[in-house]
Amino acid sequence: MNDTLGHEIERWWPHLSIEAKHRLLNDLDGEIDPATASEIEALVGSPVDTSLSPAERDFIRTQMEAVD
């Protein structure tokens, strides 16, 4: 499971706004900014970690790869 405090990224990533995705992509290894954290919390209904796990970062990178 790729999760931020037990919330599977596969469930919330597709619903994040483009702006929030760009904020995360700008610094995958950094802390999740308050605006993005609030958006994720609204999607999952509870607080989230302050940063992405290595598995979450890997998941996001796979979402950016081109598909043939």
N, C-alpha and C. Protein backbone atom coordinates (compact mmCIF):
# COMPACT_ATOMS: atom_id res chain seq x y z
N MET A 1 0.86 -1.18 0.00
CA MET A 1 0.00 0.00 0.00
C MET A 1 0.90 1.24 0.00
N ASN A 2 0.62 2.17 -0.88
CA ASN A 2 1.30 3.47 -0.90
C ASN A 2 0.38 4.43 -0.17
N ASP A 3 0.81 4.89 1.04
CA ASP A 3 -0.14 5.68 1.79
C ASP A 3 0.46 6.84 2.55
N THR A 4 -0.38 7.83 2.76
CA THR A 4 -0.08 8.96 3.63
C THR A 4 -1.01 8.79 4.82
N LEU A 5 -0.45 8.32 5.93
CA LEU A 5 -1.22 7.99 7.14
C LEU A 5 -2.37 7.02 6.85
N GLY A 6 -2.09 5.99 6.07
CA GLY A 6 -3.09 4.96 5.82
C GLY A 6 -4.04 5.25 4.67
N HIS A 7 -3.82 6.36 3.96
CA HIS A 7 -4.69 6.71 2.83
C HIS A 7 -3.98 6.37 1.54
N GLU A 8 -4.51 5.41 0.82
CA GLU A 8 -3.86 4.94 -0.39
C GLU A 8 -3.80 6.04 -1.45
N ILE A 9 -2.57 6.30 -1.91
CA ILE A 9 -2.36 7.35 -2.91
C ILE A 9 -3.13 7.04 -4.20
N GLU A 10 -3.30 5.77 -4.50
CA GLU A 10 -4.03 5.38 -5.70
C GLU A 10 -5.47 5.91 -5.68
N ARG A 11 -5.98 6.17 -4.48
CA ARG A 11 -7.35 6.68 -4.36
C ARG A 11 -7.42 8.20 -4.40
N TRP A 12 -6.41 8.89 -3.83
CA TRP A 12 -6.52 10.35 -3.79
C TRP A 12 -5.77 11.06 -4.90
N TRP A 13 -4.68 10.50 -5.41
CA TRP A 13 -3.89 11.17 -6.45
C TRP A 13 -4.73 11.54 -7.68
N PRO A 14 -5.54 10.64 -8.22
CA PRO A 14 -6.31 10.99 -9.43
C PRO A 14 -7.28 12.16 -9.23
N HIS A 15 -7.66 12.43 -8.00
CA HIS A 15 -8.65 13.47 -7.73
C HIS A 15 -8.04 14.81 -7.31
N LEU A 16 -6.72 14.85 -7.14
CA LEU A 16 -6.06 16.11 -6.79
C LEU A 16 -6.13 17.09 -7.95
N SER A 17 -6.20 18.35 -7.63
CA SER A 17 -6.19 19.37 -8.68
C SER A 17 -4.83 19.38 -9.37
N ILE A 18 -4.81 19.88 -10.58
CA ILE A 18 -3.56 20.01 -11.32
C ILE A 18 -2.57 20.87 -10.53
N GLU A 19 -3.06 21.93 -9.91
CA GLU A 19 -2.19 22.82 -9.14
C GLU A 19 -1.53 22.06 -7.98
N ALA A 20 -2.30 21.25 -7.27
CA ALA A 20 -1.75 20.48 -6.15
C ALA A 20 -0.73 19.46 -6.65
N LYS A 21 -1.02 18.81 -7.76
CA LYS A 21 -0.07 17.86 -8.34
C LYS A 21 1.24 18.57 -8.68
N HIS A 22 1.14 19.75 -9.28
CA HIS A 22 2.35 20.50 -9.64
C HIS A 22 3.14 20.90 -8.39
N ARG A 23 2.44 21.28 -7.34
CA ARG A 23 3.15 21.64 -6.10
C ARG A 23 3.91 20.44 -5.55
N LEU A 24 3.30 19.26 -5.57
CA LEU A 24 3.99 18.07 -5.10
C LEU A 24 5.17 17.72 -6.01
N LEU A 25 4.94 17.81 -7.31
CA LEU A 25 6.00 17.47 -8.26
C LEU A 25 7.19 18.41 -8.18
N ASN A 26 6.96 19.63 -7.76
CA ASN A 26 8.06 20.59 -7.65
C ASN A 26 9.08 20.17 -6.60
N ASP A 27 8.67 19.37 -5.60
CA ASP A 27 9.58 18.93 -4.56
C ASP A 27 9.04 17.66 -3.91
N LEU A 28 9.19 16.54 -4.61
CA LEU A 28 8.67 15.27 -4.10
C LEU A 28 9.28 14.87 -2.77
N ASP A 29 10.51 15.30 -2.52
CA ASP A 29 11.19 14.92 -1.28
C ASP A 29 10.93 15.88 -0.13
N GLY A 30 10.28 16.99 -0.41
CA GLY A 30 10.04 18.00 0.63
C GLY A 30 8.74 17.75 1.38
N GLU A 31 8.43 18.71 2.24
CA GLU A 31 7.17 18.63 2.99
C GLU A 31 5.99 18.98 2.08
N ILE A 32 4.86 18.37 2.37
CA ILE A 32 3.64 18.69 1.64
C ILE A 32 3.18 20.06 2.12
N ASP A 33 2.98 20.98 1.17
CA ASP A 33 2.58 22.34 1.54
C ASP A 33 1.17 22.34 2.12
N PRO A 34 0.83 23.34 2.92
CA PRO A 34 -0.48 23.37 3.59
C PRO A 34 -1.67 23.30 2.64
N ALA A 35 -1.60 23.98 1.51
CA ALA A 35 -2.73 23.97 0.57
C ALA A 35 -2.96 22.57 0.00
N THR A 36 -1.87 21.89 -0.35
CA THR A 36 -1.99 20.54 -0.90
C THR A 36 -2.43 19.57 0.18
N ALA A 37 -1.88 19.70 1.38
CA ALA A 37 -2.30 18.84 2.49
C ALA A 37 -3.79 18.99 2.76
N SER A 38 -4.28 20.22 2.73
CA SER A 38 -5.72 20.46 2.95
C SER A 38 -6.56 19.80 1.88
N GLU A 39 -6.08 19.85 0.65
CA GLU A 39 -6.83 19.23 -0.45
C GLU A 39 -6.87 17.70 -0.29
N ILE A 40 -5.73 17.11 0.07
CA ILE A 40 -5.69 15.66 0.28
C ILE A 40 -6.58 15.29 1.46
N GLU A 41 -6.51 16.07 2.54
CA GLU A 41 -7.35 15.80 3.71
C GLU A 41 -8.83 15.87 3.37
N ALA A 42 -9.21 16.80 2.51
CA ALA A 42 -10.61 16.90 2.09
C ALA A 42 -11.03 15.66 1.31
N LEU A 43 -10.10 15.11 0.54
CA LEU A 43 -10.41 13.91 -0.26
C LEU A 43 -10.51 12.66 0.60
N VAL A 44 -9.65 12.55 1.62
CA VAL A 44 -9.62 11.32 2.42
C VAL A 44 -10.39 11.42 3.72
N GLY A 45 -10.70 12.64 4.14
CA GLY A 45 -11.51 12.83 5.33
C GLY A 45 -10.77 12.81 6.65
N SER A 46 -9.44 12.91 6.60
CA SER A 46 -8.66 12.95 7.85
C SER A 46 -7.26 13.48 7.56
N PRO A 47 -6.49 13.77 8.62
CA PRO A 47 -5.15 14.34 8.43
C PRO A 47 -4.21 13.42 7.65
N VAL A 48 -3.20 14.01 7.04
CA VAL A 48 -2.21 13.26 6.26
C VAL A 48 -0.81 13.57 6.79
N ASP A 49 0.16 12.73 6.41
CA ASP A 49 1.55 12.96 6.78
C ASP A 49 2.04 14.29 6.23
N THR A 50 3.16 14.75 6.76
CA THR A 50 3.74 16.02 6.31
C THR A 50 4.62 15.85 5.08
N SER A 51 4.91 14.60 4.71
CA SER A 51 5.71 14.36 3.51
C SER A 51 5.27 13.04 2.88
N LEU A 52 5.68 12.85 1.65
CA LEU A 52 5.36 11.63 0.92
C LEU A 52 6.33 10.52 1.30
N SER A 53 5.84 9.32 1.31
CA SER A 53 6.71 8.17 1.56
C SER A 53 7.48 7.85 0.29
N PRO A 54 8.56 7.07 0.39
CA PRO A 54 9.27 6.65 -0.83
C PRO A 54 8.35 5.94 -1.82
N ALA A 55 7.45 5.12 -1.33
CA ALA A 55 6.51 4.41 -2.22
C ALA A 55 5.57 5.39 -2.92
N GLU A 56 5.13 6.42 -2.22
CA GLU A 56 4.25 7.42 -2.83
C GLU A 56 5.00 8.20 -3.91
N ARG A 57 6.26 8.56 -3.63
CA ARG A 57 7.05 9.26 -4.63
C ARG A 57 7.23 8.40 -5.87
N ASP A 58 7.50 7.11 -5.67
CA ASP A 58 7.63 6.19 -6.80
C ASP A 58 6.33 6.11 -7.59
N PHE A 59 5.21 6.03 -6.88
CA PHE A 59 3.90 5.96 -7.55
C PHE A 59 3.69 7.20 -8.42
N ILE A 60 3.97 8.37 -7.87
CA ILE A 60 3.77 9.62 -8.62
C ILE A 60 4.65 9.63 -9.86
N ARG A 61 5.88 9.19 -9.73
CA ARG A 61 6.79 9.16 -10.89
C ARG A 61 6.23 8.25 -11.98
N THR A 62 5.62 7.13 -11.61
CA THR A 62 5.06 6.25 -12.63
C THR A 62 3.87 6.88 -13.33
N GLN A 63 3.18 7.77 -12.66
CA GLN A 63 2.02 8.42 -13.26
C GLN A 63 2.43 9.46 -14.30
N MET A 64 3.70 9.87 -14.28
CA MET A 64 4.18 10.90 -15.18
C MET A 64 4.80 10.30 -16.44
N GLU A 65 5.04 8.97 -16.46
CA GLU A 65 5.66 8.34 -17.61
C GLU A 65 4.67 8.22 -18.76
N ALA A 66 5.19 8.40 -19.97
CA ALA A 66 4.36 8.26 -21.16
C ALA A 66 3.97 6.81 -21.35
N VAL A 67 2.78 6.58 -21.87
CA VAL A 67 2.30 5.23 -22.15
C VAL A 67 2.23 5.05 -23.64
N ASP A 68 2.74 3.91 -24.13
CA ASP A 68 2.69 3.65 -25.58
C ASP A 68 1.31 3.28 -26.02
